[in-house]
All heavy atoms as atom14 arrays in JSON, in Angstrom:
{
  "sequence": "GHDWYSPVTSLVEYENDKDSVFVYSATASLDLKKFNTEAPNPCI",
  "atom14_mask": [
    [1, 1, 1, 1, 0, 0, 0, 0, 0, 0, 0, 0, 0, 0],
    [1, 1, 1, 1, 1, 1, 1, 1, 1, 1, 0, 0, 0, 0],
    [1, 1, 1, 1, 1, 1, 1, 1, 0, 0, 0, 0, 0, 0],
    [1, 1, 1, 1, 1, 1, 1, 1, 1, 1, 1, 1, 1, 1],
    [1, 1, 1, 1, 1, 1, 1, 1, 1, 1, 1, 1, 0, 0],
    [1, 1, 1, 1, 1, 1, 0, 0, 0, 0, 0, 0, 0, 0],
    [1, 1, 1, 1, 1, 1, 1, 0, 0, 0, 0, 0, 0, 0],
    [1, 1, 1, 1, 1, 1, 1, 0, 0, 0, 0, 0, 0, 0],
    [1, 1, 1, 1, 1, 1, 1, 0, 0, 0, 0, 0, 0, 0],
    [1, 1, 1, 1, 1, 1, 0, 0, 0, 0, 0, 0, 0, 0],
    [1, 1, 1, 1, 1, 1, 1, 1, 0, 0, 0, 0, 0, 0],
    [1, 1, 1, 1, 1, 1, 1, 0, 0, 0, 0, 0, 0, 0],
    [1, 1, 1, 1, 1, 1, 1, 1, 1, 0, 0, 0, 0, 0],
    [1, 1, 1, 1, 1, 1, 1, 1, 1, 1, 1, 1, 0, 0],
    [1, 1, 1, 1, 1, 1, 1, 1, 1, 0, 0, 0, 0, 0],
    [1, 1, 1, 1, 1, 1, 1, 1, 0, 0, 0, 0, 0, 0],
    [1, 1, 1, 1, 1, 1, 1, 1, 0, 0, 0, 0, 0, 0],
    [1, 1, 1, 1, 1, 1, 1, 1, 1, 0, 0, 0, 0, 0],
    [1, 1, 1, 1, 1, 1, 1, 1, 0, 0, 0, 0, 0, 0],
    [1, 1, 1, 1, 1, 1, 0, 0, 0, 0, 0, 0, 0, 0],
    [1, 1, 1, 1, 1, 1, 1, 0, 0, 0, 0, 0, 0, 0],
    [1, 1, 1, 1, 1, 1, 1, 1, 1, 1, 1, 0, 0, 0],
    [1, 1, 1, 1, 1, 1, 1, 0, 0, 0, 0, 0, 0, 0],
    [1, 1, 1, 1, 1, 1, 1, 1, 1, 1, 1, 1, 0, 0],
    [1, 1, 1, 1, 1, 1, 0, 0, 0, 0, 0, 0, 0, 0],
    [1, 1, 1, 1, 1, 0, 0, 0, 0, 0, 0, 0, 0, 0],
    [1, 1, 1, 1, 1, 1, 1, 0, 0, 0, 0, 0, 0, 0],
    [1, 1, 1, 1, 1, 0, 0, 0, 0, 0, 0, 0, 0, 0],
    [1, 1, 1, 1, 1, 1, 0, 0, 0, 0, 0, 0, 0, 0],
    [1, 1, 1, 1, 1, 1, 1, 1, 0, 0, 0, 0, 0, 0],
    [1, 1, 1, 1, 1, 1, 1, 1, 0, 0, 0, 0, 0, 0],
    [1, 1, 1, 1, 1, 1, 1, 1, 0, 0, 0, 0, 0, 0],
    [1, 1, 1, 1, 1, 1, 1, 1, 1, 0, 0, 0, 0, 0],
    [1, 1, 1, 1, 1, 1, 1, 1, 1, 0, 0, 0, 0, 0],
    [1, 1, 1, 1, 1, 1, 1, 1, 1, 1, 1, 0, 0, 0],
    [1, 1, 1, 1, 1, 1, 1, 1, 0, 0, 0, 0, 0, 0],
    [1, 1, 1, 1, 1, 1, 1, 0, 0, 0, 0, 0, 0, 0],
    [1, 1, 1, 1, 1, 1, 1, 1, 1, 0, 0, 0, 0, 0],
    [1, 1, 1, 1, 1, 0, 0, 0, 0, 0, 0, 0, 0, 0],
    [1, 1, 1, 1, 1, 1, 1, 0, 0, 0, 0, 0, 0, 0],
    [1, 1, 1, 1, 1, 1, 1, 1, 0, 0, 0, 0, 0, 0],
    [1, 1, 1, 1, 1, 1, 1, 0, 0, 0, 0, 0, 0, 0],
    [1, 1, 1, 1, 1, 1, 0, 0, 0, 0, 0, 0, 0, 0],
    [1, 1, 1, 1, 1, 1, 1, 1, 0, 0, 0, 0, 0, 0]
  ],
  "atom14_positions": [
    [[10.87, -20.4, -55.16], [11.78, -19.82, -56.14], [11.33, -20.01, -57.57], [10.14, -20.14, -57.88], [0.0, 0.0, 0.0], [0.0, 0.0, 0.0], [0.0, 0.0, 0.0], [0.0, 0.0, 0.0], [0.0, 0.0, 0.0], [0.0, 0.0, 0.0], [0.0, 0.0, 0.0], [0.0, 0.0, 0.0], [0.0, 0.0, 0.0], [0.0, 0.0, 0.0]],
    [[12.31, -20.08, -58.46], [12.04, -20.12, -59.89], [11.36, -21.42, -60.33], [10.65, -21.44, -61.33], [13.35, -19.92, -60.67], [13.12, -19.62, -62.12], [13.31, -20.56, -63.1], [12.69, -18.5, -62.73], [13.01, -20.03, -64.27], [12.64, -18.78, -64.07], [0.0, 0.0, 0.0], [0.0, 0.0, 0.0], [0.0, 0.0, 0.0], [0.0, 0.0, 0.0]],
    [[11.53, -22.49, -59.58], [10.88, -23.77, -59.91], [9.35, -23.62, -59.93], [8.67, -24.33, -60.67], [11.28, -24.85, -58.9], [10.5, -26.13, -59.07], [10.33, -26.59, -60.22], [10.04, -26.68, -58.06], [0.0, 0.0, 0.0], [0.0, 0.0, 0.0], [0.0, 0.0, 0.0], [0.0, 0.0, 0.0], [0.0, 0.0, 0.0], [0.0, 0.0, 0.0]],
    [[8.81, -22.7, -59.16], [7.36, -22.53, -59.05], [6.88, -21.29, -59.81], [5.7, -20.98, -59.83], [7.01, -22.44, -57.56], [5.63, -22.85, -57.2], [5.13, -24.11, -57.11], [4.55, -21.98, -56.84], [3.81, -24.08, -56.71], [3.45, -22.78, -56.54], [4.43, -20.6, -56.74], [2.22, -22.25, -56.16], [3.21, -20.07, -56.35], [2.12, -20.9, -56.07]],
    [[7.8, -20.59, -60.44], [7.51, -19.33, -61.16], [6.6, -19.57, -62.36], [6.78, -20.52, -63.12], [8.82, -18.71, -61.63], [8.68, -17.5, -62.52], [8.13, -16.32, -62.04], [9.11, -17.54, -63.84], [8.01, -15.21, -62.86], [9.0, -16.44, -64.66], [8.44, -15.28, -64.16], [8.33, -14.18, -64.97], [0.0, 0.0, 0.0], [0.0, 0.0, 0.0]],
    [[5.61, -18.71, -62.5], [4.69, -18.79, -63.63], [4.42, -17.37, -64.14], [3.69, -16.61, -63.52], [3.37, -19.44, -63.21], [2.52, -19.56, -64.33], [0.0, 0.0, 0.0], [0.0, 0.0, 0.0], [0.0, 0.0, 0.0], [0.0, 0.0, 0.0], [0.0, 0.0, 0.0], [0.0, 0.0, 0.0], [0.0, 0.0, 0.0], [0.0, 0.0, 0.0]],
    [[4.99, -17.0, -65.29], [4.8, -15.65, -65.81], [3.43, -15.42, -66.44], [3.1, -14.29, -66.79], [5.91, -15.5, -66.85], [6.12, -16.89, -67.34], [5.9, -17.78, -66.14], [0.0, 0.0, 0.0], [0.0, 0.0, 0.0], [0.0, 0.0, 0.0], [0.0, 0.0, 0.0], [0.0, 0.0, 0.0], [0.0, 0.0, 0.0], [0.0, 0.0, 0.0]],
    [[2.64, -16.48, -66.59], [1.33, -16.32, -67.24], [0.22, -16.87, -66.35], [0.4, -17.8, -65.57], [1.26, -17.02, -68.62], [2.27, -16.42, -69.58], [1.49, -18.51, -68.49], [0.0, 0.0, 0.0], [0.0, 0.0, 0.0], [0.0, 0.0, 0.0], [0.0, 0.0, 0.0], [0.0, 0.0, 0.0], [0.0, 0.0, 0.0], [0.0, 0.0, 0.0]],
    [[-0.93, -16.3, -66.5], [-2.2, -16.71, -65.87], [-2.03, -17.21, -64.45], [-1.53, -16.49, -63.63], [-2.95, -17.71, -66.75], [-2.18, -18.88, -66.9], [-3.28, -17.12, -68.09], [0.0, 0.0, 0.0], [0.0, 0.0, 0.0], [0.0, 0.0, 0.0], [0.0, 0.0, 0.0], [0.0, 0.0, 0.0], [0.0, 0.0, 0.0], [0.0, 0.0, 0.0]],
    [[-2.48, -18.41, -64.15], [-2.45, -19.03, -62.83], [-3.61, -18.52, -61.97], [-4.39, -17.7, -62.41], [-1.1, -18.82, -62.15], [-0.08, -19.32, -62.98], [0.0, 0.0, 0.0], [0.0, 0.0, 0.0], [0.0, 0.0, 0.0], [0.0, 0.0, 0.0], [0.0, 0.0, 0.0], [0.0, 0.0, 0.0], [0.0, 0.0, 0.0], [0.0, 0.0, 0.0]],
    [[-3.71, -19.04, -60.72], [-4.92, -18.78, -59.96], [-4.72, -19.01, -58.47], [-3.98, -19.89, -58.07], [-6.01, -19.75, -60.48], [-7.35, -19.76, -59.81], [-8.44, -19.78, -60.86], [-7.5, -20.96, -58.9], [0.0, 0.0, 0.0], [0.0, 0.0, 0.0], [0.0, 0.0, 0.0], [0.0, 0.0, 0.0], [0.0, 0.0, 0.0], [0.0, 0.0, 0.0]],
    [[-5.41, -18.19, -57.68], [-5.57, -18.41, -56.25], [-7.06, -18.23, -55.97], [-7.64, -17.24, -56.39], [-4.77, -17.42, -55.39], [-5.07, -17.6, -53.91], [-3.28, -17.58, -55.63], [0.0, 0.0, 0.0], [0.0, 0.0, 0.0], [0.0, 0.0, 0.0], [0.0, 0.0, 0.0], [0.0, 0.0, 0.0], [0.0, 0.0, 0.0], [0.0, 0.0, 0.0]],
    [[-7.66, -19.21, -55.28], [-9.09, -19.1, -54.99], [-9.39, -19.73, -53.62], [-8.96, -20.85, -53.35], [-9.91, -19.8, -56.06], [-11.4, -19.65, -55.87], [-12.22, -20.24, -57.01], [-11.67, -21.03, -57.82], [-13.41, -19.93, -57.08], [0.0, 0.0, 0.0], [0.0, 0.0, 0.0], [0.0, 0.0, 0.0], [0.0, 0.0, 0.0], [0.0, 0.0, 0.0]],
    [[-10.11, -19.0, -52.81], [-10.55, -19.52, -51.52], [-11.72, -20.46, -51.73], [-12.66, -20.16, -52.48], [-10.96, -18.36, -50.6], [-11.54, -18.84, -49.3], [-10.71, -19.37, -48.31], [-12.9, -18.79, -49.05], [-11.23, -19.84, -47.11], [-13.43, -19.24, -47.85], [-12.59, -19.76, -46.9], [-13.12, -20.22, -45.71], [0.0, 0.0, 0.0], [0.0, 0.0, 0.0]],
    [[-11.68, -21.61, -51.07], [-12.75, -22.61, -51.15], [-13.5, -22.61, -49.82], [-13.02, -23.15, -48.82], [-12.17, -24.0, -51.45], [-11.49, -24.09, -52.79], [-12.44, -23.82, -53.93], [-13.53, -24.43, -53.98], [-12.12, -22.96, -54.77], [0.0, 0.0, 0.0], [0.0, 0.0, 0.0], [0.0, 0.0, 0.0], [0.0, 0.0, 0.0], [0.0, 0.0, 0.0]],
    [[-14.67, -21.99, -49.81], [-15.45, -21.81, -48.6], [-15.86, -23.14, -47.96], [-15.81, -23.3, -46.74], [-16.68, -20.96, -48.89], [-17.39, -20.52, -47.65], [-16.75, -20.03, -46.72], [-18.7, -20.68, -47.62], [0.0, 0.0, 0.0], [0.0, 0.0, 0.0], [0.0, 0.0, 0.0], [0.0, 0.0, 0.0], [0.0, 0.0, 0.0], [0.0, 0.0, 0.0]],
    [[-16.25, -24.12, -48.78], [-16.74, -25.39, -48.22], [-15.66, -26.18, -47.47], [-15.97, -27.03, -46.64], [-17.38, -26.25, -49.31], [-16.41, -26.66, -50.41], [-15.41, -25.94, -50.65], [-16.65, -27.69, -51.05], [0.0, 0.0, 0.0], [0.0, 0.0, 0.0], [0.0, 0.0, 0.0], [0.0, 0.0, 0.0], [0.0, 0.0, 0.0], [0.0, 0.0, 0.0]],
    [[-14.39, -25.9, -47.75], [-13.3, -26.61, -47.08], [-12.45, -25.68, -46.21], [-11.5, -26.14, -45.6], [-12.4, -27.26, -48.13], [-13.07, -28.34, -48.95], [-12.06, -28.93, -49.92], [-12.69, -29.46, -51.15], [-13.14, -28.46, -52.1], [0.0, 0.0, 0.0], [0.0, 0.0, 0.0], [0.0, 0.0, 0.0], [0.0, 0.0, 0.0], [0.0, 0.0, 0.0]],
    [[-12.76, -24.38, -46.2], [-11.94, -23.37, -45.53], [-10.49, -23.56, -45.94], [-9.58, -23.7, -45.13], [-12.09, -23.45, -44.01], [-11.54, -22.21, -43.31], [-11.53, -21.12, -43.91], [-11.1, -22.34, -42.14], [0.0, 0.0, 0.0], [0.0, 0.0, 0.0], [0.0, 0.0, 0.0], [0.0, 0.0, 0.0], [0.0, 0.0, 0.0], [0.0, 0.0, 0.0]],
    [[-10.3, -23.59, -47.28], [-8.97, -23.83, -47.82], [-8.67, -22.87, -48.97], [-9.56, -22.2, -49.48], [-8.84, -25.28, -48.31], [-9.67, -25.5, -49.42], [0.0, 0.0, 0.0], [0.0, 0.0, 0.0], [0.0, 0.0, 0.0], [0.0, 0.0, 0.0], [0.0, 0.0, 0.0], [0.0, 0.0, 0.0], [0.0, 0.0, 0.0], [0.0, 0.0, 0.0]],
    [[-7.41, -22.83, -49.36], [-6.97, -21.98, -50.46], [-6.39, -22.88, -51.55], [-5.48, -23.67, -51.29], [-5.91, -20.95, -49.99], [-5.44, -20.1, -51.15], [-6.47, -20.08, -48.87], [0.0, 0.0, 0.0], [0.0, 0.0, 0.0], [0.0, 0.0, 0.0], [0.0, 0.0, 0.0], [0.0, 0.0, 0.0], [0.0, 0.0, 0.0], [0.0, 0.0, 0.0]],
    [[-6.94, -22.75, -52.74], [-6.49, -23.5, -53.93], [-5.55, -22.59, -54.71], [-5.88, -21.42, -54.97], [-7.72, -23.85, -54.77], [-7.41, -24.53, -56.08], [-7.31, -25.9, -56.14], [-7.22, -23.78, -57.23], [-7.04, -26.53, -57.35], [-6.94, -24.4, -58.44], [-6.85, -25.78, -58.5], [0.0, 0.0, 0.0], [0.0, 0.0, 0.0], [0.0, 0.0, 0.0]],
    [[-4.38, -23.12, -55.09], [-3.41, -22.33, -55.85], [-2.93, -23.16, -57.04], [-2.59, -24.33, -56.89], [-2.2, -21.94, -54.97], [-1.24, -21.05, -55.74], [-2.64, -21.25, -53.69], [0.0, 0.0, 0.0], [0.0, 0.0, 0.0], [0.0, 0.0, 0.0], [0.0, 0.0, 0.0], [0.0, 0.0, 0.0], [0.0, 0.0, 0.0], [0.0, 0.0, 0.0]],
    [[-2.89, -22.51, -58.21], [-2.43, -23.17, -59.43], [-1.35, -22.33, -60.08], [-1.58, -21.19, -60.44], [-3.61, -23.34, -60.39], [-3.24, -23.9, -61.75], [-2.71, -25.17, -61.88], [-3.43, -23.15, -62.9], [-2.37, -25.69, -63.12], [-3.11, -23.66, -64.15], [-2.58, -24.93, -64.25], [-2.26, -25.43, -65.47], [0.0, 0.0, 0.0], [0.0, 0.0, 0.0]],
    [[-0.15, -22.9, -60.21], [0.96, -22.25, -60.9], [1.06, -22.89, -62.28], [1.55, -24.01, -62.45], [2.26, -22.42, -60.12], [3.3, -21.73, -60.76], [0.0, 0.0, 0.0], [0.0, 0.0, 0.0], [0.0, 0.0, 0.0], [0.0, 0.0, 0.0], [0.0, 0.0, 0.0], [0.0, 0.0, 0.0], [0.0, 0.0, 0.0], [0.0, 0.0, 0.0]],
    [[0.58, -22.16, -63.29], [0.33, -22.72, -64.62], [1.56, -23.18, -65.38], [1.49, -24.16, -66.12], [-0.44, -21.71, -65.47], [0.0, 0.0, 0.0], [0.0, 0.0, 0.0], [0.0, 0.0, 0.0], [0.0, 0.0, 0.0], [0.0, 0.0, 0.0], [0.0, 0.0, 0.0], [0.0, 0.0, 0.0], [0.0, 0.0, 0.0], [0.0, 0.0, 0.0]],
    [[2.66, -22.49, -65.26], [3.83, -22.88, -66.05], [5.05, -23.11, -65.16], [6.17, -22.73, -65.49], [4.15, -21.83, -67.13], [4.34, -20.56, -66.52], [3.06, -21.75, -68.18], [0.0, 0.0, 0.0], [0.0, 0.0, 0.0], [0.0, 0.0, 0.0], [0.0, 0.0, 0.0], [0.0, 0.0, 0.0], [0.0, 0.0, 0.0], [0.0, 0.0, 0.0]],
    [[4.83, -23.73, -64.01], [5.94, -24.05, -63.11], [6.96, -24.93, -63.82], [6.64, -25.64, -64.76], [5.41, -24.75, -61.86], [0.0, 0.0, 0.0], [0.0, 0.0, 0.0], [0.0, 0.0, 0.0], [0.0, 0.0, 0.0], [0.0, 0.0, 0.0], [0.0, 0.0, 0.0], [0.0, 0.0, 0.0], [0.0, 0.0, 0.0], [0.0, 0.0, 0.0]],
    [[8.18, -24.87, -63.36], [9.3, -25.65, -63.93], [9.56, -25.26, -65.37], [9.65, -26.1, -66.26], [9.04, -27.15, -63.83], [8.77, -27.53, -62.51], [0.0, 0.0, 0.0], [0.0, 0.0, 0.0], [0.0, 0.0, 0.0], [0.0, 0.0, 0.0], [0.0, 0.0, 0.0], [0.0, 0.0, 0.0], [0.0, 0.0, 0.0], [0.0, 0.0, 0.0]],
    [[9.72, -23.97, -65.61], [9.98, -23.49, -66.97], [11.36, -23.86, -67.5], [11.57, -23.87, -68.7], [9.85, -21.96, -67.01], [8.43, -21.44, -67.08], [8.43, -19.93, -66.93], [7.78, -21.83, -68.39], [0.0, 0.0, 0.0], [0.0, 0.0, 0.0], [0.0, 0.0, 0.0], [0.0, 0.0, 0.0], [0.0, 0.0, 0.0], [0.0, 0.0, 0.0]],
    [[12.3, -24.16, -66.61], [13.63, -24.55, -67.03], [13.57, -26.0, -67.52], [13.83, -26.95, -66.79], [14.61, -24.4, -65.88], [16.05, -24.6, -66.32], [16.29, -25.13, -67.44], [16.95, -24.21, -65.55], [0.0, 0.0, 0.0], [0.0, 0.0, 0.0], [0.0, 0.0, 0.0], [0.0, 0.0, 0.0], [0.0, 0.0, 0.0], [0.0, 0.0, 0.0]],
    [[13.2, -26.16, -68.8], [12.93, -27.49, -69.34], [14.14, -28.41, -69.32], [14.01, -29.61, -69.1], [12.37, -27.36, -70.75], [11.12, -26.47, -70.89], [10.66, -26.43, -72.34], [10.01, -26.94, -69.98], [0.0, 0.0, 0.0], [0.0, 0.0, 0.0], [0.0, 0.0, 0.0], [0.0, 0.0, 0.0], [0.0, 0.0, 0.0], [0.0, 0.0, 0.0]],
    [[15.33, -27.87, -69.55], [16.54, -28.7, -69.52], [16.82, -29.2, -68.1], [17.16, -30.35, -67.91], [17.74, -27.91, -70.06], [17.64, -27.66, -71.55], [18.82, -26.89, -72.06], [18.62, -26.63, -73.55], [19.67, -25.8, -74.11], [0.0, 0.0, 0.0], [0.0, 0.0, 0.0], [0.0, 0.0, 0.0], [0.0, 0.0, 0.0], [0.0, 0.0, 0.0]],
    [[16.64, -28.32, -67.13], [16.89, -28.7, -65.73], [15.96, -29.83, -65.3], [16.35, -30.75, -64.6], [16.69, -27.49, -64.82], [16.85, -27.8, -63.35], [16.62, -26.56, -62.51], [16.66, -26.9, -61.03], [16.37, -25.73, -60.21], [0.0, 0.0, 0.0], [0.0, 0.0, 0.0], [0.0, 0.0, 0.0], [0.0, 0.0, 0.0], [0.0, 0.0, 0.0]],
    [[14.69, -29.76, -65.73], [13.71, -30.75, -65.31], [13.54, -31.88, -66.33], [12.69, -32.73, -66.17], [12.38, -30.07, -65.01], [12.48, -29.17, -63.82], [12.65, -27.81, -63.98], [12.44, -29.69, -62.54], [12.78, -26.98, -62.88], [12.56, -28.87, -61.43], [12.74, -27.51, -61.61], [0.0, 0.0, 0.0], [0.0, 0.0, 0.0], [0.0, 0.0, 0.0]],
    [[14.35, -31.84, -67.41], [14.34, -32.89, -68.42], [12.93, -33.19, -68.93], [12.49, -34.33, -68.96], [15.01, -34.16, -67.88], [15.36, -35.14, -68.98], [15.58, -34.73, -70.13], [15.41, -36.41, -68.66], [0.0, 0.0, 0.0], [0.0, 0.0, 0.0], [0.0, 0.0, 0.0], [0.0, 0.0, 0.0], [0.0, 0.0, 0.0], [0.0, 0.0, 0.0]],
    [[12.22, -32.13, -69.3], [10.87, -32.28, -69.81], [10.72, -31.49, -71.11], [11.56, -30.67, -71.46], [9.81, -31.75, -68.81], [10.03, -30.37, -68.59], [9.87, -32.51, -67.5], [0.0, 0.0, 0.0], [0.0, 0.0, 0.0], [0.0, 0.0, 0.0], [0.0, 0.0, 0.0], [0.0, 0.0, 0.0], [0.0, 0.0, 0.0], [0.0, 0.0, 0.0]],
    [[9.63, -31.76, -71.82], [9.36, -31.07, -73.09], [8.45, -29.87, -72.89], [8.26, -29.09, -73.81], [8.73, -32.05, -74.07], [9.66, -33.19, -74.44], [8.99, -34.22, -75.33], [7.92, -33.94, -75.87], [9.56, -35.31, -75.48], [0.0, 0.0, 0.0], [0.0, 0.0, 0.0], [0.0, 0.0, 0.0], [0.0, 0.0, 0.0], [0.0, 0.0, 0.0]],
    [[7.86, -29.75, -71.72], [6.95, -28.65, -71.41], [7.01, -28.38, -69.92], [7.56, -29.19, -69.16], [5.53, -29.01, -71.85], [0.0, 0.0, 0.0], [0.0, 0.0, 0.0], [0.0, 0.0, 0.0], [0.0, 0.0, 0.0], [0.0, 0.0, 0.0], [0.0, 0.0, 0.0], [0.0, 0.0, 0.0], [0.0, 0.0, 0.0], [0.0, 0.0, 0.0]],
    [[6.46, -27.26, -69.47], [6.43, -26.99, -68.02], [5.68, -28.08, -67.25], [5.02, -28.93, -67.84], [5.69, -25.66, -67.93], [5.84, -25.03, -69.27], [5.87, -26.18, -70.25], [0.0, 0.0, 0.0], [0.0, 0.0, 0.0], [0.0, 0.0, 0.0], [0.0, 0.0, 0.0], [0.0, 0.0, 0.0], [0.0, 0.0, 0.0], [0.0, 0.0, 0.0]],
    [[5.77, -28.01, -65.95], [5.1, -28.95, -65.05], [4.18, -28.17, -64.11], [4.56, -27.86, -62.98], [6.12, -29.73, -64.21], [7.04, -30.57, -65.08], [6.6, -31.52, -65.68], [8.29, -30.18, -65.15], [0.0, 0.0, 0.0], [0.0, 0.0, 0.0], [0.0, 0.0, 0.0], [0.0, 0.0, 0.0], [0.0, 0.0, 0.0], [0.0, 0.0, 0.0]],
    [[2.98, -27.8, -64.58], [2.08, -27.02, -63.73], [1.89, -27.68, -62.36], [1.98, -28.9, -62.23], [0.76, -27.03, -64.52], [1.17, -27.23, -65.93], [2.37, -28.13, -65.87], [0.0, 0.0, 0.0], [0.0, 0.0, 0.0], [0.0, 0.0, 0.0], [0.0, 0.0, 0.0], [0.0, 0.0, 0.0], [0.0, 0.0, 0.0], [0.0, 0.0, 0.0]],
    [[1.62, -26.85, -61.37], [1.54, -27.32, -60.0], [0.23, -26.85, -59.37], [-0.12, -25.67, -59.44], [2.72, -26.76, -59.22], [2.92, -27.49, -57.61], [0.0, 0.0, 0.0], [0.0, 0.0, 0.0], [0.0, 0.0, 0.0], [0.0, 0.0, 0.0], [0.0, 0.0, 0.0], [0.0, 0.0, 0.0], [0.0, 0.0, 0.0], [0.0, 0.0, 0.0]],
    [[-0.49, -27.78, -58.77], [-1.72, -27.49, -58.03], [-1.44, -27.74, -56.55], [-0.91, -28.79, -56.19], [-2.88, -28.4, -58.49], [-3.25, -28.09, -59.95], [-4.09, -28.24, -57.57], [-4.24, -29.07, -60.55], [0.0, 0.0, 0.0], [0.0, 0.0, 0.0], [0.0, 0.0, 0.0], [0.0, 0.0, 0.0], [0.0, 0.0, 0.0], [0.0, 0.0, 0.0]]
  ]
}
């Protein structure tokens, strides 16, 4: 949901050496008051 929402940039990339998928949500946790933070909490 919205906790993981990132309206800007971010990334999904397949990692061949691990047969895995790397995902980065650059501005997750945009609701700063809800998460009691001064900035988003990006998520890898």
